[in-house]
Amino acid sequence: MRWQGQTIDDADDAALPGMENRTGIVRSVTTPEFSGMTFHEVLARSALNKVPAGSRMPFSWTINPYRGCSHACVYCFARGTHEYLDLDGGGDFDSQIVVKTNVAEVLAKELRKGSWQHESVALGTNTDPYQRAEGRYKLMPDIIRTLAESGTPLSILTKGTLIRRDIPLLVDAAKHVPIDIQMSIAMYDDELQHSIEPGTPSTQARLDTVRALTDAGFRVGVFLMPVLPHLTDSVEAIDHALQRIDESGADHVIYGALHLRAGVKPWFMQWLQREHPELMSSYRGLYPGAASEAPKPYRQWLAKRVRPLIRAHGLEARHSDDAYPSRRLTRPAALRATAVAPPAATLF
């Protein structure tokens, strides 16, 4: 496996005699409470990832404390990234989780550099920082503290209800830097959610988390994406989802049609063949060959259907393609009067 790019040469001065050298360590751990999963603990070379200059993302930096994700969402666009480690984007992505155990320590060093410009940093852009592994490794509290203490704005996108553990920390951090939080909730049919997102918290648990964050003073957005053709794009399904989102106290909704990159398309199509074979012909027509996006006419049709419904529920509507320029980081309500927001920032 190509693990060299994940690890550093490192020495621990506090270690027992003979154990100081941790050069290139990759420790694989299994534990009964995480049956079927293996955690590969690594010492990361870096914490901050520079977003390519050509990207349409409004943020320049990301942090990914984990690689792979136990949420096991069949449509996850990050599946292909596991192939870099000579693991597959299917079962391996769901169960072979790389953990950057020293990520906060490395981050602190990077933020102390004189060249650091305190640009917004996004978490949750690749794999979820609040997936199940976070309950074991507790990397996020130190990451949040380190960013806030350095004066660096941050944004979080998650499906994980474990973020509720960190609400007091996030409220305190927001006294020092703007913070943006968004919850990804795409499925509002329990049977479909269990089938296509088998490792995620329930839809209601995530909506309850939106409420908890909103009650703490954050303007929370909900990612209603991906919208699945013929499965979640009916008026009834969308209206039902928006009603529940509105009741959760969310501030805005970002929607978008299913996107199938090369690294995820085979795994999604396997799921579709197994669970909804009657839709295979339609999906092959919508996503032919190497096509990753739904065709423009479908996306336009979806916008005409979704936007009026979002507005009818009193929510702000944003499409995944045009949401970014208007996003800004927020602080809890009690702090907004004195907050000075940085340039637009969001997360994907």
Protein backbone atom coordinates (compact mmCIF):
# COMPACT_ATOMS: atom_id res chain seq x y z
CA MET A 1 0.00 0.00 0.00
CA ARG A 2 1.12 3.54 -0.70
CA TRP A 3 1.21 4.83 2.87
CA GLN A 4 4.41 6.87 2.68
CA GLY A 5 2.52 10.01 1.77
CA GLN A 6 0.47 9.65 4.96
CA THR A 7 3.29 9.45 7.49
CA ILE A 8 6.27 11.39 8.82
CA ASP A 9 9.60 10.67 10.38
CA ASP A 10 9.03 11.41 14.04
CA ALA A 11 10.58 10.88 17.44
CA ASP A 12 8.79 10.99 20.78
CA ASP A 13 11.07 12.35 23.51
CA ALA A 14 8.62 11.27 26.20
CA ALA A 15 8.56 7.64 25.11
CA LEU A 16 10.09 4.75 27.03
CA PRO A 17 13.77 4.02 26.28
CA GLY A 18 14.09 2.29 22.95
CA MET A 19 10.64 3.43 21.82
CA GLU A 20 11.46 7.03 20.91
CA ASN A 21 11.48 6.51 17.16
CA ARG A 22 8.02 6.48 15.54
CA THR A 23 9.34 6.71 11.98
CA GLY A 24 6.68 6.02 9.39
CA ILE A 25 4.32 4.47 11.93
CA VAL A 26 1.13 2.90 10.65
CA ARG A 27 -0.68 1.03 13.42
CA SER A 28 -3.78 -0.92 12.48
CA VAL A 29 -6.36 -1.31 15.25
CA THR A 30 -9.54 -3.33 15.58
CA THR A 31 -11.86 -3.15 18.56
CA PRO A 32 -15.09 -5.01 19.49
CA GLU A 33 -17.22 -1.87 19.72
CA PHE A 34 -16.42 -1.13 16.05
CA SER A 35 -17.07 -4.59 14.61
CA GLY A 36 -15.88 -5.05 11.04
CA MET A 37 -13.82 -1.86 11.03
CA THR A 38 -10.07 -1.33 11.04
CA PHE A 39 -8.48 1.95 12.06
CA HIS A 40 -5.10 2.71 10.50
CA GLU A 41 -3.43 5.20 12.84
CA VAL A 42 -0.87 7.39 11.10
CA LEU A 43 1.31 10.36 11.93
CA ALA A 44 0.39 12.90 9.28
CA ARG A 45 2.93 15.06 7.49
CA SER A 46 0.49 17.97 7.29
CA ALA A 47 -2.95 18.99 8.48
CA LEU A 48 -3.87 21.82 6.11
CA ASN A 49 -4.69 20.89 2.51
CA LYS A 50 -4.46 23.61 -0.15
CA VAL A 51 -7.46 23.71 -2.47
CA PRO A 52 -6.34 23.76 -6.14
CA ALA A 53 -6.35 27.25 -7.63
CA GLY A 54 -8.79 26.23 -10.36
CA SER A 55 -11.42 25.01 -7.92
CA ARG A 56 -14.74 26.85 -7.70
CA MET A 57 -14.74 26.42 -3.94
CA PRO A 58 -14.57 29.75 -2.08
CA PHE A 59 -12.31 28.40 0.63
CA SER A 60 -8.62 27.83 0.10
CA TRP A 61 -7.86 25.31 2.85
CA THR A 62 -9.35 22.10 4.23
CA ILE A 63 -8.59 19.66 7.03
CA ASN A 64 -9.47 15.97 6.82
CA PRO A 65 -8.65 14.17 10.08
CA TYR A 66 -9.90 10.88 8.60
CA ARG A 67 -9.75 9.09 5.26
CA GLY A 68 -12.56 6.68 4.51
CA CYS A 69 -15.92 6.97 6.24
CA SER A 70 -18.08 4.56 8.21
CA HIS A 71 -21.23 6.43 7.17
CA ALA A 72 -20.98 4.23 4.07
CA CYS A 73 -23.11 6.48 1.86
CA VAL A 74 -23.32 4.69 -1.47
CA TYR A 75 -23.23 7.97 -3.41
CA CYS A 76 -20.25 9.52 -1.55
CA PHE A 77 -18.07 11.42 -4.03
CA ALA A 78 -14.92 10.75 -1.95
CA ARG A 79 -14.90 6.99 -2.53
CA GLY A 80 -12.35 7.24 -5.31
CA THR A 81 -9.79 8.82 -2.98
CA HIS A 82 -9.33 5.49 -1.18
CA GLU A 83 -7.84 3.98 -4.31
CA TYR A 84 -4.72 6.10 -3.72
CA LEU A 85 -3.98 3.75 -0.81
CA ASP A 86 -4.56 0.67 -2.96
CA LEU A 87 -7.88 0.14 -1.20
CA ASP A 88 -11.17 -0.03 -3.04
CA GLY A 89 -13.87 2.63 -3.00
CA GLY A 90 -16.52 0.17 -1.85
CA GLY A 91 -16.29 -1.91 1.32
CA ASP A 92 -12.74 -0.71 2.08
CA PHE A 93 -13.84 2.92 2.03
CA ASP A 94 -16.57 2.08 4.55
CA SER A 95 -14.44 0.00 6.91
CA GLN A 96 -10.71 0.79 6.49
CA ILE A 97 -10.42 4.19 8.17
CA VAL A 98 -7.19 6.18 8.18
CA VAL A 99 -6.84 8.26 11.37
CA LYS A 100 -4.38 11.17 11.51
CA THR A 101 -3.74 10.91 15.22
CA ASN A 102 -1.40 13.91 15.40
CA VAL A 103 -3.50 16.22 13.23
CA ALA A 104 -4.06 18.92 15.88
CA GLU A 105 -0.38 18.99 16.82
CA VAL A 106 0.68 19.39 13.19
CA LEU A 107 -2.04 21.99 12.63
CA ALA A 108 -0.77 24.12 15.51
CA LYS A 109 2.70 24.19 13.96
CA GLU A 110 1.35 25.15 10.55
CA LEU A 111 -0.80 27.96 11.96
CA ARG A 112 2.19 29.45 13.77
CA LYS A 113 4.04 30.06 10.51
CA GLY A 114 4.47 33.68 9.61
CA SER A 115 3.07 33.01 6.16
CA TRP A 116 -0.34 31.92 7.48
CA GLN A 117 -2.99 34.45 6.39
CA HIS A 118 -5.86 33.25 8.63
CA GLU A 119 -7.99 32.19 5.66
CA SER A 120 -11.11 30.18 6.36
CA VAL A 121 -10.58 26.44 6.82
CA ALA A 122 -13.29 23.91 5.89
CA LEU A 123 -13.86 20.56 7.59
CA GLY A 124 -16.06 17.87 6.10
CA THR A 125 -15.20 18.54 2.47
CA ASN A 126 -13.92 15.01 1.83
CA THR A 127 -14.89 12.59 4.60
CA ASP A 128 -16.96 13.34 7.67
CA PRO A 129 -15.04 14.68 10.69
CA TYR A 130 -17.85 13.48 12.99
CA GLN A 131 -18.10 9.91 11.74
CA ARG A 132 -18.10 7.09 14.30
CA ALA A 133 -14.31 7.03 14.61
CA GLU A 134 -14.42 10.51 16.15
CA GLY A 135 -16.16 9.03 19.19
CA ARG A 136 -13.02 6.98 19.79
CA TYR A 137 -10.26 9.41 18.77
CA LYS A 138 -11.73 12.80 19.76
CA LEU A 139 -9.68 14.77 17.24
CA MET A 140 -12.19 17.57 16.58
CA PRO A 141 -12.07 19.38 19.95
CA ASP A 142 -8.35 20.07 19.63
CA ILE A 143 -8.76 21.05 15.97
CA ILE A 144 -11.51 23.54 16.84
CA ARG A 145 -9.53 24.99 19.75
CA THR A 146 -6.37 25.28 17.68
CA LEU A 147 -8.12 27.09 14.84
CA ALA A 148 -9.99 29.44 17.17
CA GLU A 149 -6.93 30.28 19.26
CA SER A 150 -5.04 31.17 16.09
CA GLY A 151 -7.81 33.47 14.86
CA THR A 152 -8.71 31.21 11.91
CA PRO A 153 -12.38 31.06 10.78
CA LEU A 154 -13.76 27.57 10.23
CA SER A 155 -16.68 25.79 8.66
CA ILE A 156 -18.04 22.31 9.31
CA LEU A 157 -20.20 20.06 7.13
CA THR A 158 -21.32 16.82 8.74
CA LYS A 159 -23.91 14.07 8.93
CA GLY A 160 -22.70 13.18 12.41
CA THR A 161 -24.79 13.90 15.49
CA LEU A 162 -21.58 13.68 17.54
CA ILE A 163 -21.11 17.38 16.83
CA ARG A 164 -23.57 17.95 19.71
CA ARG A 165 -20.79 16.91 22.07
CA ASP A 166 -18.81 19.95 20.92
CA ILE A 167 -21.57 22.59 21.00
CA PRO A 168 -20.21 24.29 24.16
CA LEU A 169 -16.74 24.35 22.59
CA LEU A 170 -18.11 25.73 19.32
CA VAL A 171 -20.03 28.47 21.12
CA ASP A 172 -16.87 29.46 22.98
CA ALA A 173 -14.78 29.33 19.81
CA ALA A 174 -17.31 31.56 18.03
CA LYS A 175 -16.46 34.33 20.49
CA HIS A 176 -13.10 34.51 18.73
CA VAL A 177 -13.72 33.51 15.11
CA PRO A 178 -16.71 33.17 12.74
CA ILE A 179 -17.98 29.60 12.46
CA ASP A 180 -20.27 28.11 9.83
CA ILE A 181 -22.09 24.82 10.42
CA GLN A 182 -24.08 22.79 7.93
CA MET A 183 -25.82 19.43 8.32
CA SER A 184 -26.16 17.05 5.39
CA ILE A 185 -29.60 15.41 5.36
CA ALA A 186 -30.65 14.05 1.97
CA MET A 187 -33.02 11.15 2.80
CA TYR A 188 -36.36 11.54 4.57
CA ASP A 189 -37.69 8.04 3.95
CA ASP A 190 -36.33 5.78 6.70
CA GLU A 191 -36.16 2.65 4.54
CA LEU A 192 -34.24 4.45 1.79
CA GLN A 193 -31.93 6.11 4.31
CA HIS A 194 -31.03 2.78 5.92
CA SER A 195 -30.36 1.29 2.48
CA ILE A 196 -28.25 4.03 0.89
CA GLU A 197 -26.65 5.57 4.03
CA PRO A 198 -26.38 2.51 6.32
CA GLY A 199 -23.80 3.99 8.71
CA THR A 200 -25.37 7.40 9.28
CA PRO A 201 -27.43 8.59 12.23
CA SER A 202 -31.15 8.62 11.55
CA THR A 203 -32.72 11.52 9.70
CA GLN A 204 -34.59 12.59 12.83
CA ALA A 205 -31.43 12.48 14.94
CA ARG A 206 -29.75 14.83 12.48
CA LEU A 207 -32.76 17.17 12.43
CA ASP A 208 -32.65 17.20 16.23
CA THR A 209 -28.99 18.15 15.96
CA VAL A 210 -29.88 21.07 13.69
CA ARG A 211 -32.32 22.19 16.38
CA ALA A 212 -29.68 21.89 19.10
CA LEU A 213 -27.19 23.95 17.08
CA THR A 214 -29.87 26.51 16.21
CA ASP A 215 -30.84 26.80 19.88
CA ALA A 216 -27.16 27.46 20.62
CA GLY A 217 -27.36 30.46 18.29
CA PHE A 218 -25.90 29.16 15.02
CA ARG A 219 -27.50 29.73 11.62
CA VAL A 220 -27.45 26.16 10.39
CA GLY A 221 -27.90 25.18 6.76
CA VAL A 222 -29.13 21.82 5.52
CA PHE A 223 -27.63 20.16 2.45
CA LEU A 224 -30.63 18.57 0.71
CA MET A 225 -28.37 16.71 -1.64
CA PRO A 226 -28.03 14.57 -3.49
CA VAL A 227 -31.56 14.64 -4.85
CA LEU A 228 -31.98 11.22 -6.46
CA PRO A 229 -33.86 11.07 -9.78
CA HIS A 230 -37.09 9.05 -9.49
CA LEU A 231 -36.41 8.33 -5.80
CA THR A 232 -36.44 11.64 -3.91
CA ASP A 233 -37.36 14.24 -6.54
CA SER A 234 -41.17 14.11 -6.39
CA VAL A 235 -43.11 17.13 -5.12
CA GLU A 236 -44.37 15.05 -2.22
CA ALA A 237 -40.88 13.89 -1.19
CA ILE A 238 -39.34 17.35 -1.46
CA ASP A 239 -42.20 19.06 0.36
CA HIS A 240 -42.05 16.48 3.16
CA ALA A 241 -38.31 17.00 3.52
CA LEU A 242 -38.63 20.79 3.60
CA GLN A 243 -41.38 20.69 6.19
CA ARG A 244 -39.14 18.72 8.53
CA ILE A 245 -36.14 20.95 7.78
CA ASP A 246 -38.20 24.05 8.54
CA GLU A 247 -39.39 22.55 11.83
CA SER A 248 -35.76 21.90 12.81
CA GLY A 249 -35.01 25.63 12.77
CA ALA A 250 -32.61 25.55 9.81
CA ASP A 251 -31.74 28.85 8.17
CA HIS A 252 -31.31 27.81 4.54
CA VAL A 253 -31.29 24.83 2.20
CA ILE A 254 -28.67 23.93 -0.40
CA TYR A 255 -29.92 21.44 -2.97
CA GLY A 256 -28.42 19.63 -5.91
CA ALA A 257 -28.91 16.57 -8.08
CA LEU A 258 -26.93 13.36 -7.70
CA HIS A 259 -23.33 13.65 -8.90
CA LEU A 260 -21.54 10.44 -9.87
CA ARG A 261 -17.78 10.75 -10.21
CA ALA A 262 -15.86 7.89 -11.77
CA GLY A 263 -14.75 6.60 -8.37
CA VAL A 264 -18.29 6.29 -7.03
CA LYS A 265 -20.36 5.42 -10.10
CA PRO A 266 -19.64 1.64 -10.11
CA TRP A 267 -20.54 1.29 -6.43
CA PHE A 268 -23.72 3.35 -6.79
CA MET A 269 -24.81 1.40 -9.86
CA GLN A 270 -24.25 -1.89 -8.01
CA TRP A 271 -26.55 -0.64 -5.25
CA LEU A 272 -29.14 0.55 -7.77
CA GLN A 273 -29.10 -2.80 -9.61
CA ARG A 274 -29.67 -4.59 -6.31
CA GLU A 275 -32.27 -2.28 -4.77
CA HIS A 276 -34.02 -0.63 -7.75
CA PRO A 277 -33.29 -2.58 -10.94
CA GLU A 278 -36.31 -0.98 -12.60
CA LEU A 279 -34.39 2.35 -12.62
CA MET A 280 -31.19 1.10 -14.24
CA SER A 281 -32.19 2.08 -17.76
CA SER A 282 -33.20 5.57 -16.68
CA TYR A 283 -29.96 6.17 -14.74
CA ARG A 284 -27.85 4.94 -17.65
CA GLY A 285 -29.64 7.54 -19.76
CA LEU A 286 -29.09 10.31 -17.22
CA TYR A 287 -25.45 9.40 -16.51
CA PRO A 288 -24.15 7.78 -19.72
CA GLY A 289 -20.57 6.63 -20.07
CA ALA A 290 -18.21 8.87 -18.13
CA ALA A 291 -20.84 11.55 -17.43
CA SER A 292 -20.83 12.55 -13.77
CA GLU A 293 -23.53 15.23 -13.70
CA ALA A 294 -27.21 14.90 -14.41
CA PRO A 295 -28.02 16.56 -17.74
CA LYS A 296 -28.72 20.28 -17.72
CA PRO A 297 -32.43 19.91 -18.60
CA TYR A 298 -32.94 17.71 -15.53
CA ARG A 299 -31.10 20.17 -13.30
CA GLN A 300 -33.19 23.04 -14.65
CA TRP A 301 -36.37 21.04 -14.12
CA LEU A 302 -35.29 20.27 -10.56
CA ALA A 303 -34.61 23.95 -9.82
CA LYS A 304 -38.09 24.93 -11.02
CA ARG A 305 -39.57 22.30 -8.74
CA VAL A 306 -37.45 22.84 -5.63
CA ARG A 307 -37.00 26.60 -5.36
CA PRO A 308 -40.70 27.53 -4.99
CA LEU A 309 -41.16 24.82 -2.38
CA ILE A 310 -38.17 26.06 -0.38
CA ARG A 311 -39.49 29.62 -0.45
CA ALA A 312 -42.96 28.41 0.54
CA HIS A 313 -41.44 27.03 3.73
CA GLY A 314 -39.77 30.34 4.51
CA LEU A 315 -36.26 29.07 3.87
CA GLU A 316 -33.52 30.53 1.71
CA ALA A 317 -32.84 28.46 -1.41
CA ARG A 318 -29.38 27.88 -2.82
CA HIS A 319 -28.28 25.50 -5.53
CA SER A 320 -24.97 23.72 -5.08
CA ASP A 321 -23.68 25.57 -8.16
CA ASP A 322 -24.58 29.07 -7.01
CA ALA A 323 -24.65 28.87 -3.23
CA TYR A 324 -21.02 29.67 -2.59
CA PRO A 325 -20.67 33.39 -3.35
CA SER A 326 -23.39 34.34 -0.88
CA ARG A 327 -22.32 32.14 2.00
CA ARG A 328 -20.73 33.80 4.97
CA LEU A 329 -19.55 32.42 8.24
CA THR A 330 -21.75 33.12 11.25
CA ARG A 331 -21.47 33.45 14.98
CA PRO A 332 -24.09 32.62 17.60
CA ALA A 333 -26.87 35.22 17.71
CA ALA A 334 -25.64 36.88 20.90
CA LEU A 335 -22.34 37.68 19.20
CA ARG A 336 -23.53 38.78 15.75
CA ALA A 337 -23.97 42.43 16.63
CA THR A 338 -20.24 42.81 17.16
CA ALA A 339 -19.02 40.19 14.71
CA VAL A 340 -17.03 41.18 11.67
CA ALA A 341 -17.47 38.47 9.03
CA PRO A 342 -14.56 37.60 6.72
CA PRO A 343 -14.96 37.20 2.95
CA ALA A 344 -17.51 34.65 1.77
CA ALA A 345 -16.80 31.07 2.83
CA THR A 346 -18.69 27.83 2.81
CA LEU A 347 -18.14 24.11 2.37
CA PHE A 348 -19.06 21.31 0.07
